[in-house]
């Protein structure tokens, strides 16, 4: 088992879709996705919710499951263009 943490710039529509429905992939045990926020901005403002910036924490069966997700999944390919760290 391994974990990963991802930060990426995405199209806002993909971020919204990901927030509504968690990613599903072979070998993905659990994922939590969050839109980033700008602290100090008004609570109900466009500046507060940064829908182009997504963070994802994930738990995988193994590293090959993560590699397949990053190569074969639409969301995975977008996340692969950002920053991520793998944790064991």
PDB file of N, CA and C in Angstrom:
ATOM      1  N   UNK A   1       0.844  -1.169   0.000  1.00  0.00           N
ATOM      2  CA  UNK A   1       0.000   0.000   0.000  1.00  0.00           C
ATOM      3  C   UNK A   1       0.893   1.238   0.000  1.00  0.00           C
ATOM      4  N   UNK A   2       0.432   2.279  -0.704  1.00  0.00           N
ATOM      5  CA  UNK A   2       1.150   3.551  -0.732  1.00  0.00           C
ATOM      6  C   UNK A   2       0.154   4.697  -0.819  1.00  0.00           C
ATOM      7  N   UNK A   3       0.625   5.907  -0.536  1.00  0.00           N
ATOM      8  CA  UNK A   3      -0.205   7.099  -0.596  1.00  0.00           C
ATOM      9  C   UNK A   3       0.441   8.103  -1.538  1.00  0.00           C
ATOM     10  N   UNK A   4      -0.380   9.005  -2.070  1.00  0.00           N
ATOM     11  CA  UNK A   4       0.149  10.091  -2.883  1.00  0.00           C
ATOM     12  C   UNK A   4      -0.600  11.372  -2.544  1.00  0.00           C
ATOM     13  N   UNK A   5       0.079  12.490  -2.751  1.00  0.00           N
ATOM     14  CA  UNK A   5      -0.506  13.814  -2.575  1.00  0.00           C
ATOM     15  C   UNK A   5      -0.193  14.586  -3.841  1.00  0.00           C
ATOM     16  N   UNK A   6      -1.221  15.199  -4.437  1.00  0.00           N
ATOM     17  CA  UNK A   6      -1.090  15.894  -5.719  1.00  0.00           C
ATOM     18  C   UNK A   6      -1.578  17.333  -5.594  1.00  0.00           C
ATOM     19  N   UNK A   7      -0.889  18.252  -6.274  1.00  0.00           N
ATOM     20  CA  UNK A   7      -1.330  19.632  -6.458  1.00  0.00           C
ATOM     21  C   UNK A   7      -1.229  19.926  -7.949  1.00  0.00           C
ATOM     22  N   UNK A   8      -2.305  20.449  -8.540  1.00  0.00           N
ATOM     23  CA  UNK A   8      -2.272  20.706  -9.982  1.00  0.00           C
ATOM     24  C   UNK A   8      -3.226  21.825 -10.359  1.00  0.00           C
ATOM     25  N   UNK A   9      -2.902  22.489 -11.471  1.00  0.00           N
ATOM     26  CA  UNK A   9      -3.800  23.451 -12.090  1.00  0.00           C
ATOM     27  C   UNK A   9      -4.647  22.702 -13.101  1.00  0.00           C
ATOM     28  N   UNK A  10      -5.956  22.830 -12.986  1.00  0.00           N
ATOM     29  CA  UNK A  10      -6.891  22.111 -13.848  1.00  0.00           C
ATOM     30  C   UNK A  10      -7.907  23.074 -14.437  1.00  0.00           C
ATOM     31  N   UNK A  11      -8.575  22.672 -15.515  1.00  0.00           N
ATOM     32  CA  UNK A  11      -9.712  23.456 -15.980  1.00  0.00           C
ATOM     33  C   UNK A  11     -10.786  23.460 -14.878  1.00  0.00           C
ATOM     34  N   UNK A  12     -11.438  24.600 -14.624  1.00  0.00           N
ATOM     35  CA  UNK A  12     -12.436  24.668 -13.552  1.00  0.00           C
ATOM     36  C   UNK A  12     -13.529  23.600 -13.666  1.00  0.00           C
ATOM     37  N   UNK A  13     -13.957  23.272 -14.883  1.00  0.00           N
ATOM     38  CA  UNK A  13     -15.002  22.251 -15.051  1.00  0.00           C
ATOM     39  C   UNK A  13     -14.529  20.888 -14.547  1.00  0.00           C
ATOM     40  N   UNK A  14     -13.281  20.546 -14.787  1.00  0.00           N
ATOM     41  CA  UNK A  14     -12.745  19.265 -14.308  1.00  0.00           C
ATOM     42  C   UNK A  14     -12.633  19.272 -12.785  1.00  0.00           C
ATOM     43  N   UNK A  15     -12.231  20.385 -12.206  1.00  0.00           N
ATOM     44  CA  UNK A  15     -12.168  20.482 -10.744  1.00  0.00           C
ATOM     45  C   UNK A  15     -13.552  20.276 -10.138  1.00  0.00           C
ATOM     46  N   UNK A  16     -14.564  20.959 -10.679  1.00  0.00           N
ATOM     47  CA  UNK A  16     -15.929  20.806 -10.165  1.00  0.00           C
ATOM     48  C   UNK A  16     -16.416  19.369 -10.286  1.00  0.00           C
ATOM     49  N   UNK A  17     -16.164  18.738 -11.437  1.00  0.00           N
ATOM     50  CA  UNK A  17     -16.586  17.345 -11.636  1.00  0.00           C
ATOM     51  C   UNK A  17     -15.887  16.424 -10.646  1.00  0.00           C
ATOM     52  N   UNK A  18     -14.618  16.662 -10.392  1.00  0.00           N
ATOM     53  CA  UNK A  18     -13.856  15.837  -9.457  1.00  0.00           C
ATOM     54  C   UNK A  18     -14.343  16.033  -8.022  1.00  0.00           C
ATOM     55  N   UNK A  19     -14.712  17.256  -7.666  1.00  0.00           N
ATOM     56  CA  UNK A  19     -15.219  17.515  -6.318  1.00  0.00           C
ATOM     57  C   UNK A  19     -16.577  16.861  -6.096  1.00  0.00           C
ATOM     58  N   UNK A  20     -17.390  16.795  -7.152  1.00  0.00           N
ATOM     59  CA  UNK A  20     -18.713  16.168  -7.032  1.00  0.00           C
ATOM     60  C   UNK A  20     -18.625  14.659  -6.970  1.00  0.00           C
ATOM     61  N   UNK A  21     -17.675  14.083  -7.723  1.00  0.00           N
ATOM     62  CA  UNK A  21     -17.570  12.626  -7.805  1.00  0.00           C
ATOM     63  C   UNK A  21     -16.106  12.234  -7.667  1.00  0.00           C
ATOM     64  N   UNK A  22     -15.794  11.522  -6.613  1.00  0.00           N
ATOM     65  CA  UNK A  22     -14.409  11.106  -6.374  1.00  0.00           C
ATOM     66  C   UNK A  22     -13.883  10.273  -7.545  1.00  0.00           C
ATOM     67  N   UNK A  23     -12.574  10.360  -7.779  1.00  0.00           N
ATOM     68  CA  UNK A  23     -11.980   9.529  -8.837  1.00  0.00           C
ATOM     69  C   UNK A  23     -12.137   8.047  -8.530  1.00  0.00           C
ATOM     70  N   UNK A  24     -12.255   7.266  -9.580  1.00  0.00           N
ATOM     71  CA  UNK A  24     -12.311   5.801  -9.457  1.00  0.00           C
ATOM     72  C   UNK A  24     -11.301   5.229 -10.437  1.00  0.00           C
ATOM     73  N   UNK A  25     -10.520   4.293  -9.969  1.00  0.00           N
ATOM     74  CA  UNK A  25      -9.519   3.651 -10.816  1.00  0.00           C
ATOM     75  C   UNK A  25      -9.137   2.328 -10.176  1.00  0.00           C
ATOM     76  N   UNK A  26      -8.668   1.409 -11.007  1.00  0.00           N
ATOM     77  CA  UNK A  26      -8.188   0.128 -10.496  1.00  0.00           C
ATOM     78  C   UNK A  26      -7.021   0.381  -9.547  1.00  0.00           C
ATOM     79  N   UNK A  27      -7.086  -0.182  -8.369  1.00  0.00           N
ATOM     80  CA  UNK A  27      -6.013  -0.037  -7.394  1.00  0.00           C
ATOM     81  C   UNK A  27      -6.122   1.191  -6.515  1.00  0.00           C
ATOM     82  N   UNK A  28      -7.099   2.063  -6.762  1.00  0.00           N
ATOM     83  CA  UNK A  28      -7.307   3.242  -5.922  1.00  0.00           C
ATOM     84  C   UNK A  28      -8.235   2.855  -4.783  1.00  0.00           C
ATOM     85  N   UNK A  29      -7.724   2.864  -3.575  1.00  0.00           N
ATOM     86  CA  UNK A  29      -8.525   2.468  -2.410  1.00  0.00           C
ATOM     87  C   UNK A  29      -9.385   3.610  -1.892  1.00  0.00           C
ATOM     88  N   UNK A  30      -8.829   4.821  -1.866  1.00  0.00           N
ATOM     89  CA  UNK A  30      -9.570   5.970  -1.345  1.00  0.00           C
ATOM     90  C   UNK A  30      -8.920   7.244  -1.858  1.00  0.00           C
ATOM     91  N   UNK A  31      -9.730   8.267  -2.132  1.00  0.00           N
ATOM     92  CA  UNK A  31      -9.209   9.567  -2.552  1.00  0.00           C
ATOM     93  C   UNK A  31     -10.040  10.678  -1.930  1.00  0.00           C
ATOM     94  N   UNK A  32      -9.379  11.734  -1.512  1.00  0.00           N
ATOM     95  CA  UNK A  32     -10.017  12.955  -1.026  1.00  0.00           C
ATOM     96  C   UNK A  32      -9.533  14.091  -1.908  1.00  0.00           C
ATOM     97  N   UNK A  33     -10.478  14.823  -2.510  1.00  0.00           N
ATOM     98  CA  UNK A  33     -10.136  15.922  -3.406  1.00  0.00           C
ATOM     99  C   UNK A  33     -10.646  17.232  -2.823  1.00  0.00           C
ATOM    100  N   UNK A  34      -9.822  18.280  -2.932  1.00  0.00           N
ATOM    101  CA  UNK A  34     -10.150  19.585  -2.363  1.00  0.00           C
ATOM    102  C   UNK A  34      -9.765  20.690  -3.330  1.00  0.00           C
ATOM    103  N   UNK A  35     -10.632  21.694  -3.454  1.00  0.00           N
ATOM    104  CA  UNK A  35     -10.255  22.909  -4.171  1.00  0.00           C
ATOM    105  C   UNK A  35      -9.499  23.786  -3.178  1.00  0.00           C
ATOM    106  N   UNK A  36      -8.476  24.452  -3.654  1.00  0.00           N
ATOM    107  CA  UNK A  36      -7.714  25.319  -2.772  1.00  0.00           C
ATOM    108  C   UNK A  36      -8.461  26.632  -2.569  1.00  0.00           C
ATOM    109  N   UNK A  37      -8.176  27.306  -1.461  1.00  0.00           N
ATOM    110  CA  UNK A  37      -8.825  28.574  -1.141  1.00  0.00           C
ATOM    111  C   UNK A  37      -7.779  29.621  -0.808  1.00  0.00           C
ATOM    112  N   UNK A  38      -8.140  30.857  -1.072  1.00  0.00           N
ATOM    113  CA  UNK A  38      -7.288  31.976  -0.692  1.00  0.00           C
ATOM    114  C   UNK A  38      -7.784  32.503   0.647  1.00  0.00           C
ATOM    115  N   UNK A  39      -7.008  32.289   1.691  1.00  0.00           N
ATOM    116  CA  UNK A  39      -7.397  32.748   3.020  1.00  0.00           C
ATOM    117  C   UNK A  39      -7.370  34.271   3.076  1.00  0.00           C
ATOM    118  N   UNK A  40      -8.273  34.838   3.824  1.00  0.00           N
ATOM    119  CA  UNK A  40      -8.363  36.278   3.948  1.00  0.00           C
ATOM    120  C   UNK A  40      -9.314  36.910   2.951  1.00  0.00           C
ATOM    121  N   UNK A  41      -9.753  36.148   1.953  1.00  0.00           N
ATOM    122  CA  UNK A  41     -10.720  36.656   0.989  1.00  0.00           C
ATOM    123  C   UNK A  41     -12.114  36.561   1.583  1.00  0.00           C
ATOM    124  N   UNK A  42     -13.056  37.387   1.106  1.00  0.00           N
ATOM    125  CA  UNK A  42     -14.434  37.252   1.584  1.00  0.00           C
ATOM    126  C   UNK A  42     -14.931  35.822   1.380  1.00  0.00           C
ATOM    127  N   UNK A  43     -15.717  35.328   2.330  1.00  0.00           N
ATOM    128  CA  UNK A  43     -16.172  33.933   2.289  1.00  0.00           C
ATOM    129  C   UNK A  43     -16.942  33.608   1.013  1.00  0.00           C
ATOM    130  N   UNK A  44     -17.754  34.511   0.536  1.00  0.00           N
ATOM    131  CA  UNK A  44     -18.522  34.288  -0.690  1.00  0.00           C
ATOM    132  C   UNK A  44     -17.955  35.157  -1.802  1.00  0.00           C
ATOM    133  N   UNK A  45     -16.842  34.716  -2.356  1.00  0.00           N
ATOM    134  CA  UNK A  45     -16.212  35.489  -3.424  1.00  0.00           C
ATOM    135  C   UNK A  45     -15.514  34.555  -4.405  1.00  0.00           C
ATOM    136  N   UNK A  46     -15.311  35.052  -5.602  1.00  0.00           N
ATOM    137  CA  UNK A  46     -14.593  34.287  -6.627  1.00  0.00           C
ATOM    138  C   UNK A  46     -13.142  34.079  -6.205  1.00  0.00           C
ATOM    139  N   UNK A  47     -12.565  35.060  -5.521  1.00  0.00           N
ATOM    140  CA  UNK A  47     -11.170  34.946  -5.088  1.00  0.00           C
ATOM    141  C   UNK A  47     -10.967  33.817  -4.076  1.00  0.00           C
ATOM    142  N   UNK A  48     -11.996  33.545  -3.269  1.00  0.00           N
ATOM    143  CA  UNK A  48     -11.879  32.544  -2.204  1.00  0.00           C
ATOM    144  C   UNK A  48     -11.704  31.136  -2.768  1.00  0.00           C
ATOM    145  N   UNK A  49     -12.642  30.714  -3.594  1.00  0.00           N
ATOM    146  CA  UNK A  49     -12.583  29.364  -4.180  1.00  0.00           C
ATOM    147  C   UNK A  49     -11.743  29.395  -5.449  1.00  0.00           C
ATOM    148  N   UNK A  50     -10.647  28.707  -5.428  1.00  0.00           N
ATOM    149  CA  UNK A  50      -9.749  28.667  -6.581  1.00  0.00           C
ATOM    150  C   UNK A  50      -9.998  27.368  -7.344  1.00  0.00           C
ATOM    151  N   UNK A  51     -10.989  27.405  -8.219  1.00  0.00           N
ATOM    152  CA  UNK A  51     -11.416  26.190  -8.912  1.00  0.00           C
ATOM    153  C   UNK A  51     -10.422  25.700  -9.955  1.00  0.00           C
ATOM    154  N   UNK A  52      -9.367  26.446 -10.191  1.00  0.00           N
ATOM    155  CA  UNK A  52      -8.332  25.950 -11.106  1.00  0.00           C
ATOM    156  C   UNK A  52      -7.241  25.179 -10.340  1.00  0.00           C
ATOM    157  N   UNK A  53      -7.300  25.177  -9.025  1.00  0.00           N
ATOM    158  CA  UNK A  53      -6.262  24.520  -8.220  1.00  0.00           C
ATOM    159  C   UNK A  53      -6.887  23.395  -7.409  1.00  0.00           C
ATOM    160  N   UNK A  54      -6.401  22.177  -7.653  1.00  0.00           N
ATOM    161  CA  UNK A  54      -6.946  20.990  -6.984  1.00  0.00           C
ATOM    162  C   UNK A  54      -5.853  20.296  -6.185  1.00  0.00           C
ATOM    163  N   UNK A  55      -6.227  19.824  -5.011  1.00  0.00           N
ATOM    164  CA  UNK A  55      -5.354  18.969  -4.198  1.00  0.00           C
ATOM    165  C   UNK A  55      -6.040  17.615  -4.070  1.00  0.00           C
ATOM    166  N   UNK A  56      -5.272  16.540  -4.171  1.00  0.00           N
ATOM    167  CA  UNK A  56      -5.828  15.201  -4.011  1.00  0.00           C
ATOM    168  C   UNK A  56      -4.897  14.363  -3.140  1.00  0.00           C
ATOM    169  N   UNK A  57      -5.463  13.770  -2.104  1.00  0.00           N
ATOM    170  CA  UNK A  57      -4.787  12.769  -1.272  1.00  0.00           C
ATOM    171  C   UNK A  57      -5.343  11.425  -1.698  1.00  0.00           C
ATOM    172  N   UNK A  58      -4.497  10.425  -1.910  1.00  0.00           N
ATOM    173  CA  UNK A  58      -4.991   9.130  -2.367  1.00  0.00           C
ATOM    174  C   UNK A  58      -4.237   7.979  -1.722  1.00  0.00           C
ATOM    175  N   UNK A  59      -4.943   6.857  -1.580  1.00  0.00           N
ATOM    176  CA  UNK A  59      -4.356   5.617  -1.081  1.00  0.00           C
ATOM    177  C   UNK A  59      -4.460   4.589  -2.203  1.00  0.00           C
ATOM    178  N   UNK A  60      -3.343   3.946  -2.530  1.00  0.00           N
ATOM    179  CA  UNK A  60      -3.244   3.018  -3.661  1.00  0.00           C
ATOM    180  C   UNK A  60      -2.828   1.634  -3.188  1.00  0.00           C
ATOM    181  N   UNK A  61      -3.219   0.615  -3.966  1.00  0.00           N
ATOM    182  CA  UNK A  61      -2.754  -0.745  -3.682  1.00  0.00           C
ATOM    183  C   UNK A  61      -1.235  -0.828  -3.784  1.00  0.00           C
ATOM    184  N   UNK A  62      -0.691  -0.205  -4.835  1.00  0.00           N
ATOM    185  CA  UNK A  62       0.749  -0.223  -5.057  1.00  0.00           C
ATOM    186  C   UNK A  62       1.128   0.882  -6.037  1.00  0.00           C
ATOM    187  N   UNK A  63       2.418   1.034  -6.273  1.00  0.00           N
ATOM    188  CA  UNK A  63       2.900   2.107  -7.141  1.00  0.00           C
ATOM    189  C   UNK A  63       2.459   1.926  -8.590  1.00  0.00           C
ATOM    190  N   UNK A  64       2.320   0.695  -9.039  1.00  0.00           N
ATOM    191  CA  UNK A  64       1.895   0.477 -10.427  1.00  0.00           C
ATOM    192  C   UNK A  64       0.456   0.943 -10.649  1.00  0.00           C
ATOM    193  N   UNK A  65      -0.399   0.865  -9.636  1.00  0.00           N
ATOM    194  CA  UNK A  65      -1.769   1.380  -9.761  1.00  0.00           C
ATOM    195  C   UNK A  65      -1.741   2.897  -9.950  1.00  0.00           C
ATOM    196  N   UNK A  66      -0.903   3.591  -9.199  1.00  0.00           N
ATOM    197  CA  UNK A  66      -0.757   5.038  -9.366  1.00  0.00           C
ATOM    198  C   UNK A  66      -0.217   5.362 -10.754  1.00  0.00           C
ATOM    199  N   UNK A  67       0.792   4.627 -11.203  1.00  0.00           N
ATOM    200  CA  UNK A  67       1.363   4.859 -12.536  1.00  0.00           C
ATOM    201  C   UNK A  67       0.310   4.687 -13.630  1.00  0.00           C
ATOM    202  N   UNK A  68      -0.523   3.646 -13.531  1.00  0.00           N
ATOM    203  CA  UNK A  68      -1.590   3.430 -14.529  1.00  0.00           C
ATOM    204  C   UNK A  68      -2.583   4.585 -14.513  1.00  0.00           C
ATOM    205  N   UNK A  69      -2.960   5.051 -13.320  1.00  0.00           N
ATOM    206  CA  UNK A  69      -3.891   6.166 -13.195  1.00  0.00           C
ATOM    207  C   UNK A  69      -3.318   7.419 -13.854  1.00  0.00           C
ATOM    208  N   UNK A  70      -2.066   7.742 -13.588  1.00  0.00           N
ATOM    209  CA  UNK A  70      -1.446   8.932 -14.154  1.00  0.00           C
ATOM    210  C   UNK A  70      -1.304   8.845 -15.672  1.00  0.00           C
ATOM    211  N   UNK A  71      -1.163   7.646 -16.204  1.00  0.00           N
ATOM    212  CA  UNK A  71      -0.981   7.476 -17.649  1.00  0.00           C
ATOM    213  C   UNK A  71      -2.299   7.325 -18.409  1.00  0.00           C
ATOM    214  N   UNK A  72      -3.300   6.667 -17.815  1.00  0.00           N
ATOM    215  CA  UNK A  72      -4.490   6.264 -18.570  1.00  0.00           C
ATOM    216  C   UNK A  72      -5.767   7.038 -18.258  1.00  0.00           C
ATOM    217  N   UNK A  73      -5.844   7.711 -17.125  1.00  0.00           N
ATOM    218  CA  UNK A  73      -7.068   8.389 -16.709  1.00  0.00           C
ATOM    219  C   UNK A  73      -6.995   9.870 -17.087  1.00  0.00           C
ATOM    220  N   UNK A  74      -8.136  10.465 -17.509  1.00  0.00           N
ATOM    221  CA  UNK A  74      -8.158  11.892 -17.869  1.00  0.00           C
ATOM    222  C   UNK A  74      -7.685  12.765 -16.709  1.00  0.00           C
ATOM    223  N   UNK A  75      -8.248  12.543 -15.517  1.00  0.00           N
ATOM    224  CA  UNK A  75      -7.833  13.308 -14.351  1.00  0.00           C
ATOM    225  C   UNK A  75      -6.373  13.010 -14.027  1.00  0.00           C
ATOM    226  N   UNK A  76      -5.984  11.752 -14.106  1.00  0.00           N
ATOM    227  CA  UNK A  76      -4.609  11.367 -13.800  1.00  0.00           C
ATOM    228  C   UNK A  76      -3.592  12.066 -14.689  1.00  0.00           C
ATOM    229  N   UNK A  77      -3.888  12.178 -15.978  1.00  0.00           N
ATOM    230  CA  UNK A  77      -2.970  12.871 -16.888  1.00  0.00           C
ATOM    231  C   UNK A  77      -2.838  14.344 -16.518  1.00  0.00           C
ATOM    232  N   UNK A  78      -3.950  14.970 -16.112  1.00  0.00           N
ATOM    233  CA  UNK A  78      -3.894  16.370 -15.675  1.00  0.00           C
ATOM    234  C   UNK A  78      -3.073  16.500 -14.387  1.00  0.00           C
ATOM    235  N   UNK A  79      -3.277  15.584 -13.455  1.00  0.00           N
ATOM    236  CA  UNK A  79      -2.525  15.623 -12.199  1.00  0.00           C
ATOM    237  C   UNK A  79      -1.041  15.350 -12.429  1.00  0.00           C
ATOM    238  N   UNK A  80      -0.733  14.522 -13.411  1.00  0.00           N
ATOM    239  CA  UNK A  80       0.662  14.199 -13.707  1.00  0.00           C
ATOM    240  C   UNK A  80       1.432  15.431 -14.171  1.00  0.00           C
ATOM    241  N   UNK A  81       0.718  16.428 -14.729  1.00  0.00           N
ATOM    242  CA  UNK A  81       1.363  17.658 -15.143  1.00  0.00           C
ATOM    243  C   UNK A  81       1.641  18.609 -14.003  1.00  0.00           C
ATOM    244  N   UNK A  82       1.122  18.305 -12.828  1.00  0.00           N
ATOM    245  CA  UNK A  82       1.341  19.151 -11.650  1.00  0.00           C
ATOM    246  C   UNK A  82       2.471  18.597 -10.791  1.00  0.00           C
ATOM    247  N   UNK A  83       2.335  18.771  -9.503  1.00  0.00           N
ATOM    248  CA  UNK A  83       3.332  18.306  -8.534  1.00  0.00           C
ATOM    249  C   UNK A  83       2.722  17.198  -7.711  1.00  0.00           C
ATOM    250  N   UNK A  84       3.506  16.179  -7.418  1.00  0.00           N
ATOM    251  CA  UNK A  84       3.012  15.152  -6.499  1.00  0.00           C
ATOM    252  C   UNK A  84       4.171  14.508  -5.753  1.00  0.00           C
ATOM    253  N   UNK A  85       3.812  13.896  -4.632  1.00  0.00           N
ATOM    254  CA  UNK A  85       4.771  13.169  -3.824  1.00  0.00           C
ATOM    255  C   UNK A  85       4.166  11.797  -3.520  1.00  0.00           C
ATOM    256  N   UNK A  86       5.029  10.801  -3.475  1.00  0.00           N
ATOM    257  CA  UNK A  86       4.598   9.433  -3.150  1.00  0.00           C
ATOM    258  C   UNK A  86       5.111   9.099  -1.750  1.00  0.00           C
ATOM    259  N   UNK A  87       4.215   8.519  -0.963  1.00  0.00           N
ATOM    260  CA  UNK A  87       4.530   8.215   0.433  1.00  0.00           C
ATOM    261  C   UNK A  87       4.338   6.735   0.712  1.00  0.00           C
ATOM    262  N   UNK A  88       5.293   6.142   1.405  1.00  0.00           N
ATOM    263  CA  UNK A  88       5.162   4.729   1.764  1.00  0.00           C
ATOM    264  C   UNK A  88       5.200   4.578   3.260  1.00  0.00           C
TER     265      UNK A  88
END
